[in-house]
Amino acid sequence: MPDFSFHSIGTIHTPFKNRKGMPIQPAGAKNICGTIEILEKYAAGLKDLGGFSHIILLYAFHKSQGFDLEVTPFMDTVTHGLFSTRAPRRPNPLGMSVVRLLEHKGAKLIIQGIDVLDGTPLLDIKPYVPAFDGPAADALGWLEKNAAKADNLRSDARFTTS
């Protein structure tokens, strides 16, 4: 299998200077605003993005190191397989958030509903389209009884060390 390498297209700026007390999902960061600074060489790729109310951000969990294949996620007290969670310590430390796009000015985006650390490297942006990206889910696995907790739960130290 080939190896892949990615490079940042910009930087996500948020009020969160460290992980302690951060929202753990965009649902818990509904009113949190941030900015994205796109590298100038990619700025032309933002053309027409302003017509979308929401965008998908793909980013690197740049402060995460190592991983465990079974973890106790923020929203539960028992262990689950890593791939049935959204834990940040992963074999490929990639994150995804759907955020509201408030404004697009040149190479800068103003966003709302962001739950990442300040300085997070942005890897890609895609427009959020409910007809493509929001299929109705028939089952939520172990999260069935826990998903509503995302609005109020905050990060702790459980994923800061390997």
Protein backbone atom coordinates (compact mmCIF):
# COMPACT_ATOMS: atom_id res chain seq x y z
CA MET A 1 0.00 0.00 0.00
CA PRO A 2 1.41 3.45 -0.87
CA ASP A 3 2.27 6.03 1.75
CA PHE A 4 0.59 9.40 1.49
CA SER A 5 1.78 12.81 2.47
CA PHE A 6 -0.31 15.92 2.94
CA HIS A 7 0.54 19.56 3.35
CA SER A 8 -1.38 22.37 4.95
CA ILE A 9 -3.38 24.74 2.77
CA GLY A 10 -3.90 27.13 5.67
CA THR A 11 -4.34 27.52 9.41
CA ILE A 12 -7.44 27.42 11.61
CA HIS A 13 -7.45 30.02 14.39
CA THR A 14 -9.71 29.58 17.42
CA PRO A 15 -9.92 30.81 21.03
CA PHE A 16 -8.61 27.42 22.24
CA LYS A 17 -4.93 27.67 23.15
CA ASN A 18 -4.87 24.23 24.84
CA ARG A 19 -7.09 21.15 24.87
CA LYS A 20 -8.29 21.36 28.46
CA GLY A 21 -11.89 22.50 28.55
CA MET A 22 -12.36 22.59 24.75
CA PRO A 23 -15.64 21.42 23.24
CA ILE A 24 -15.23 17.86 21.95
CA GLN A 25 -17.47 18.23 18.89
CA PRO A 26 -18.83 21.15 16.81
CA ALA A 27 -22.21 20.60 18.54
CA GLY A 28 -20.62 21.85 21.75
CA ALA A 29 -19.08 24.84 19.98
CA LYS A 30 -22.19 26.21 18.27
CA ASN A 31 -21.41 29.84 19.09
CA ILE A 32 -17.61 29.65 18.93
CA CYS A 33 -16.17 31.68 16.08
CA GLY A 34 -12.82 31.30 14.44
CA THR A 35 -10.93 32.26 11.34
CA ILE A 36 -9.13 30.37 8.64
CA GLU A 37 -6.16 31.85 6.86
CA ILE A 38 -5.60 30.17 3.52
CA LEU A 39 -2.11 30.26 2.06
CA GLU A 40 -2.04 32.80 -0.75
CA LYS A 41 -1.12 30.20 -3.36
CA TYR A 42 -4.47 28.43 -2.63
CA ALA A 43 -6.67 31.53 -2.26
CA ALA A 44 -8.08 31.32 -5.81
CA GLY A 45 -9.57 27.94 -4.83
CA LEU A 46 -11.99 29.77 -2.52
CA LYS A 47 -13.87 31.27 -5.48
CA ASP A 48 -17.65 30.71 -5.08
CA LEU A 49 -17.30 29.21 -1.59
CA GLY A 50 -19.17 32.20 -0.14
CA GLY A 51 -22.41 30.87 -1.60
CA PHE A 52 -22.47 27.99 0.90
CA SER A 53 -23.78 28.33 4.46
CA HIS A 54 -21.65 25.44 5.76
CA ILE A 55 -18.32 23.91 4.86
CA ILE A 56 -16.48 20.72 5.76
CA LEU A 57 -12.99 21.20 7.18
CA LEU A 58 -10.44 18.40 7.04
CA TYR A 59 -7.46 19.01 9.31
CA ALA A 60 -4.55 17.42 11.12
CA PHE A 61 -4.67 16.68 14.84
CA HIS A 62 -1.20 18.23 15.04
CA LYS A 63 -0.85 17.87 18.81
CA SER A 64 -1.85 14.20 18.92
CA GLN A 65 0.81 11.51 19.14
CA GLY A 66 0.43 7.76 19.04
CA PHE A 67 -2.82 5.85 19.32
CA ASP A 68 -4.54 2.97 21.07
CA LEU A 69 -6.89 0.65 19.22
CA GLU A 70 -9.28 0.61 22.18
CA VAL A 71 -10.14 3.87 23.94
CA THR A 72 -12.52 5.30 26.49
CA PRO A 73 -14.06 8.21 24.58
CA PHE A 74 -15.19 11.47 26.14
CA MET A 75 -18.83 10.44 25.79
CA ASP A 76 -18.62 7.12 27.65
CA THR A 77 -17.00 5.36 30.59
CA VAL A 78 -16.23 2.05 28.87
CA THR A 79 -13.73 1.24 26.13
CA HIS A 80 -14.64 1.02 22.45
CA GLY A 81 -12.68 0.28 19.31
CA LEU A 82 -10.88 3.40 18.12
CA PHE A 83 -12.64 3.39 14.76
CA SER A 84 -16.06 3.51 16.44
CA THR A 85 -15.05 6.80 18.11
CA ARG A 86 -13.90 10.25 17.13
CA ALA A 87 -10.89 10.18 19.46
CA PRO A 88 -8.09 12.47 18.20
CA ARG A 89 -5.21 10.01 18.73
CA ARG A 90 -5.38 7.88 15.56
CA PRO A 91 -3.05 6.03 13.16
CA ASN A 92 -3.68 8.92 10.72
CA PRO A 93 -4.50 11.90 12.95
CA LEU A 94 -7.16 13.48 10.74
CA GLY A 95 -10.13 15.45 11.92
CA MET A 96 -13.29 16.69 10.26
CA SER A 97 -15.75 19.39 11.27
CA VAL A 98 -18.79 20.89 9.58
CA VAL A 99 -18.89 24.60 10.39
CA ARG A 100 -20.99 27.61 9.40
CA LEU A 101 -19.27 29.93 6.94
CA LEU A 102 -20.04 33.47 8.08
CA GLU A 103 -17.81 35.45 5.75
CA HIS A 104 -15.24 35.08 2.99
CA LYS A 105 -12.74 37.93 2.51
CA GLY A 106 -9.85 37.23 0.16
CA ALA A 107 -7.79 34.42 1.69
CA LYS A 108 -9.62 34.60 5.03
CA LEU A 109 -12.75 32.77 6.16
CA ILE A 110 -14.78 33.61 9.26
CA ILE A 111 -16.45 30.48 10.65
CA GLN A 112 -18.74 29.48 13.50
CA GLY A 113 -19.08 26.19 15.37
CA ILE A 114 -15.38 25.33 15.49
CA ASP A 115 -13.97 22.90 18.06
CA VAL A 116 -10.24 22.68 17.30
CA LEU A 117 -7.04 24.04 18.78
CA ASP A 118 -5.71 27.39 17.66
CA GLY A 119 -3.09 26.88 14.96
CA THR A 120 -4.57 23.64 13.58
CA PRO A 121 -3.25 22.90 10.08
CA LEU A 122 -6.05 22.83 7.50
CA LEU A 123 -5.72 20.12 4.85
CA ASP A 124 -8.84 20.65 2.75
CA ILE A 125 -12.21 22.40 2.50
CA LYS A 126 -15.33 21.02 0.86
CA PRO A 127 -18.78 22.57 0.59
CA TYR A 128 -21.35 20.91 2.83
CA VAL A 129 -24.35 19.74 0.81
CA PRO A 130 -27.08 18.05 2.90
CA ALA A 131 -28.31 15.97 -0.04
CA PHE A 132 -24.80 14.49 -0.41
CA ASP A 133 -23.40 14.66 3.12
CA GLY A 134 -26.36 14.21 5.45
CA PRO A 135 -27.93 10.79 4.94
CA ALA A 136 -30.37 9.71 7.63
CA ALA A 137 -28.69 7.27 10.02
CA ASP A 138 -30.51 4.09 10.99
CA ALA A 139 -28.20 3.25 13.89
CA LEU A 140 -25.68 5.13 16.04
CA GLY A 141 -24.03 2.18 17.78
CA TRP A 142 -22.82 2.85 21.31
CA LEU A 143 -23.42 6.58 20.73
CA GLU A 144 -27.19 6.02 20.55
CA LYS A 145 -27.48 6.80 24.28
CA ASN A 146 -24.55 9.26 24.44
CA ALA A 147 -24.62 11.52 21.36
CA ALA A 148 -26.58 14.29 23.11
CA LYS A 149 -23.71 14.70 25.59
CA ALA A 150 -21.59 16.42 22.90
CA ASP A 151 -23.31 19.75 23.54
CA ASN A 152 -21.91 20.01 27.07
CA LEU A 153 -18.85 17.77 27.34
CA ARG A 154 -15.41 19.35 27.32
CA SER A 155 -11.99 17.90 26.66
CA ASP A 156 -9.88 16.50 29.45
CA ALA A 157 -6.41 14.95 29.51
CA ARG A 158 -7.36 11.45 28.33
CA PHE A 159 -5.92 11.83 24.80
CA THR A 160 -2.93 14.05 25.55
CA THR A 161 -0.38 11.27 26.10
CA SER A 162 0.34 7.99 24.40
